[in-house]
Amino acid sequence: MATKIRLQRHGKKGKPFYHVVVADARAPRDGKFIERIGSYNPNTNPATIILDFDRALAWVNNGAQPTDTARAILSYKGVLYKKHLQGGVKKGAFDEAKAEELFAAWTEGNDAKIEGKKSGLAQSKGEAKKAALAAEAKKKEEKAAAIAAKNAPVEEAAAEEAAEEAAEENTEETEG
């Protein structure tokens, strides 16, 4: 039986959520599957991936073919790199200890990269929030200045009109 590692779509329209499953190649996308080995949520940034590493590695070693997106997920989590290192051990290129050392180094680098992205996103989000707050304060000041300017001439004009009327009355009284 030809098996595939693929994504099974769940979630509502516009908010997809996927289960990573091992299924018969002939089964429909969201239909019958053999085993669920993880989940993938592309709605978060960075995407949330939960994967049973050992079961995924076992299925890949048994010949399950991942789809393109599933291959990207397995590569991101290191399943395909671990398989590659195991192939090197079988061929005698290096021993098991060296393979574990290489995989541990790769894992640390990958975790650091993910953590860097998360902190960068948090920092840029904070900067965007500060910039929006500064822009809002500036706009509020401009609006307050415009309102003050609009109200100030009205008061001055009213005072000038009152002074003119008083002057006219005074001239009429002096004439009359």
Protein backbone atom coordinates (compact mmCIF):
# COMPACT_ATOMS: atom_id res chain seq x y z
CA MET A 1 0.00 0.00 0.00
CA ALA A 2 1.40 3.41 -1.00
CA THR A 3 1.31 5.77 1.96
CA LYS A 4 1.56 9.54 1.99
CA ILE A 5 2.27 12.04 4.72
CA ARG A 6 -0.09 14.92 4.01
CA LEU A 7 -2.20 17.65 5.53
CA GLN A 8 -5.84 17.20 6.44
CA ARG A 9 -7.69 20.53 6.47
CA HIS A 10 -9.83 21.61 9.40
CA GLY A 11 -11.01 25.00 10.66
CA LYS A 12 -13.47 27.47 9.26
CA LYS A 13 -13.31 29.39 6.01
CA GLY A 14 -10.35 31.75 5.99
CA LYS A 15 -8.88 30.24 9.17
CA PRO A 16 -7.31 26.92 8.16
CA PHE A 17 -5.89 24.43 10.64
CA TYR A 18 -4.27 21.23 9.47
CA HIS A 19 -3.60 17.79 10.93
CA VAL A 20 -0.46 16.09 9.64
CA VAL A 21 -1.54 12.53 8.86
CA VAL A 22 -0.25 9.36 7.27
CA ALA A 23 -2.86 8.10 4.81
CA ASP A 24 -3.30 5.69 1.93
CA ALA A 25 -2.53 7.56 -1.30
CA ARG A 26 -5.96 6.58 -2.68
CA ALA A 27 -7.93 8.03 0.27
CA PRO A 28 -9.51 11.50 -0.10
CA ARG A 29 -7.78 14.53 1.40
CA ASP A 30 -9.98 14.86 4.48
CA GLY A 31 -11.00 11.20 4.56
CA LYS A 32 -9.68 8.02 6.14
CA PHE A 33 -6.13 8.05 7.49
CA ILE A 34 -3.80 5.57 9.15
CA GLU A 35 -2.21 7.73 11.85
CA ARG A 36 -2.23 11.36 12.94
CA ILE A 37 1.34 12.49 13.65
CA GLY A 38 0.94 16.21 14.26
CA SER A 39 -0.74 19.52 13.54
CA TYR A 40 0.05 22.71 11.65
CA ASN A 41 -1.48 26.14 12.31
CA PRO A 42 -0.49 28.71 9.65
CA ASN A 43 -2.61 31.45 11.28
CA THR A 44 0.07 32.30 13.87
CA ASN A 45 3.33 34.08 13.13
CA PRO A 46 5.58 32.10 13.02
CA ALA A 47 3.39 29.12 12.15
CA THR A 48 2.74 26.67 15.00
CA ILE A 49 3.88 23.14 14.18
CA ILE A 50 3.43 20.22 16.58
CA LEU A 51 4.91 16.97 15.32
CA ASP A 52 5.54 13.53 16.82
CA PHE A 53 9.16 13.41 15.64
CA ASP A 54 9.78 9.71 16.24
CA ARG A 55 6.60 8.53 14.49
CA ALA A 56 7.23 10.87 11.53
CA LEU A 57 10.80 9.55 11.22
CA ALA A 58 9.58 5.96 11.40
CA TRP A 59 7.03 6.56 8.62
CA VAL A 60 9.58 8.33 6.40
CA ASN A 61 12.02 5.44 6.94
CA ASN A 62 9.26 2.96 6.02
CA GLY A 63 8.71 4.71 2.69
CA ALA A 64 5.84 7.13 3.26
CA GLN A 65 6.05 9.92 0.67
CA PRO A 66 5.36 13.43 1.98
CA THR A 67 3.48 15.98 -0.12
CA ASP A 68 5.23 19.27 -0.89
CA THR A 69 3.91 21.15 2.15
CA ALA A 70 4.36 18.13 4.41
CA ARG A 71 7.95 17.81 3.14
CA ALA A 72 8.56 21.46 4.06
CA ILE A 73 7.16 20.85 7.56
CA LEU A 74 9.25 17.69 8.05
CA SER A 75 12.33 19.55 6.85
CA TYR A 76 11.61 22.48 9.17
CA LYS A 77 11.35 20.12 12.14
CA GLY A 78 14.48 18.18 11.13
CA VAL A 79 12.94 14.80 10.30
CA LEU A 80 14.45 14.72 6.81
CA TYR A 81 17.87 15.83 8.11
CA LYS A 82 17.79 13.06 10.72
CA LYS A 83 16.96 10.53 7.96
CA HIS A 84 19.86 11.91 5.92
CA LEU A 85 22.24 11.49 8.87
CA GLN A 86 21.01 7.92 9.46
CA GLY A 87 21.79 7.16 5.80
CA GLY A 88 25.33 8.44 6.37
CA VAL A 89 25.71 6.14 9.38
CA LYS A 90 24.52 3.12 7.33
CA LYS A 91 27.03 3.90 4.59
CA GLY A 92 29.82 4.28 7.14
CA ALA A 93 30.56 7.96 6.47
CA PHE A 94 30.49 8.62 10.22
CA ASP A 95 29.37 6.93 13.43
CA GLU A 96 26.13 7.32 15.42
CA ALA A 97 27.71 9.70 17.98
CA LYS A 98 28.86 12.09 15.24
CA ALA A 99 25.37 11.98 13.69
CA GLU A 100 23.76 12.86 17.03
CA GLU A 101 26.28 15.68 17.52
CA LEU A 102 25.52 17.13 14.07
CA PHE A 103 21.78 16.88 14.67
CA ALA A 104 22.06 18.56 18.09
CA ALA A 105 24.06 21.43 16.56
CA TRP A 106 21.46 21.82 13.80
CA THR A 107 18.63 21.79 16.35
CA GLU A 108 20.27 24.53 18.44
CA GLY A 109 20.80 26.70 15.38
CA ASN A 110 17.22 26.18 14.21
CA ASP A 111 15.81 26.98 17.67
CA ALA A 112 17.93 30.15 17.82
CA LYS A 113 16.65 31.21 14.39
CA ILE A 114 13.02 30.67 15.44
CA GLU A 115 13.55 32.55 18.72
CA GLY A 116 15.21 35.41 16.81
CA LYS A 117 12.22 35.67 14.50
CA LYS A 118 9.80 35.72 17.44
CA SER A 119 11.75 38.44 19.26
CA GLY A 120 12.13 40.45 16.04
CA LEU A 121 8.38 40.28 15.45
CA ALA A 122 7.66 41.35 19.03
CA GLN A 123 10.14 44.24 18.74
CA SER A 124 8.73 45.45 15.40
CA LYS A 125 5.22 45.19 16.80
CA GLY A 126 6.25 47.37 19.77
CA GLU A 127 7.90 49.91 17.47
CA ALA A 128 4.82 50.05 15.26
CA LYS A 129 2.67 50.62 18.33
CA LYS A 130 4.93 53.49 19.49
CA ALA A 131 4.90 55.06 16.01
CA ALA A 132 1.10 54.81 15.84
CA LEU A 133 0.80 56.39 19.28
CA ALA A 134 3.15 59.25 18.30
CA ALA A 135 1.23 59.82 15.05
CA GLU A 136 -2.05 59.84 16.95
CA ALA A 137 -0.70 62.36 19.49
CA LYS A 138 0.56 64.60 16.67
CA LYS A 139 -2.79 64.41 14.89
CA LYS A 140 -4.59 65.22 18.14
CA GLU A 141 -2.37 68.28 18.69
CA GLU A 142 -3.00 69.46 15.13
CA LYS A 143 -6.73 69.01 15.57
CA ALA A 144 -6.66 70.92 18.87
CA ALA A 145 -4.67 73.74 17.23
CA ALA A 146 -7.14 73.87 14.33
CA ILE A 147 -10.08 74.06 16.73
CA ALA A 148 -8.37 76.78 18.78
CA ALA A 149 -7.59 78.75 15.61
CA LYS A 150 -11.17 78.37 14.44
CA ASN A 151 -12.59 79.54 17.77
CA ALA A 152 -10.10 82.37 18.34
CA PRO A 153 -10.96 84.48 15.24
CA VAL A 154 -14.66 84.17 15.98
CA GLU A 155 -14.16 85.66 19.43
CA GLU A 156 -11.89 88.42 18.09
CA ALA A 157 -14.28 89.21 15.26
CA ALA A 158 -17.20 89.36 17.68
CA ALA A 159 -15.22 91.67 19.94
CA GLU A 160 -14.30 93.87 16.98
CA GLU A 161 -17.93 94.02 15.82
CA ALA A 162 -19.05 94.95 19.32
CA ALA A 163 -16.39 97.66 19.46
CA GLU A 164 -17.48 99.02 16.06
CA GLU A 165 -21.14 99.06 17.13
CA ALA A 166 -20.21 100.87 20.33
CA ALA A 167 -18.17 103.37 18.34
CA GLU A 168 -21.10 103.95 15.96
CA GLU A 169 -23.47 104.48 18.88
CA ASN A 170 -21.04 106.93 20.42
CA THR A 171 -20.81 108.86 17.15
CA GLU A 172 -24.60 108.88 16.78
CA GLU A 173 -25.02 110.18 20.35
CA THR A 174 -22.45 112.90 19.80
CA GLU A 175 -24.09 113.93 16.51
CA GLY A 176 -27.58 113.87 17.85
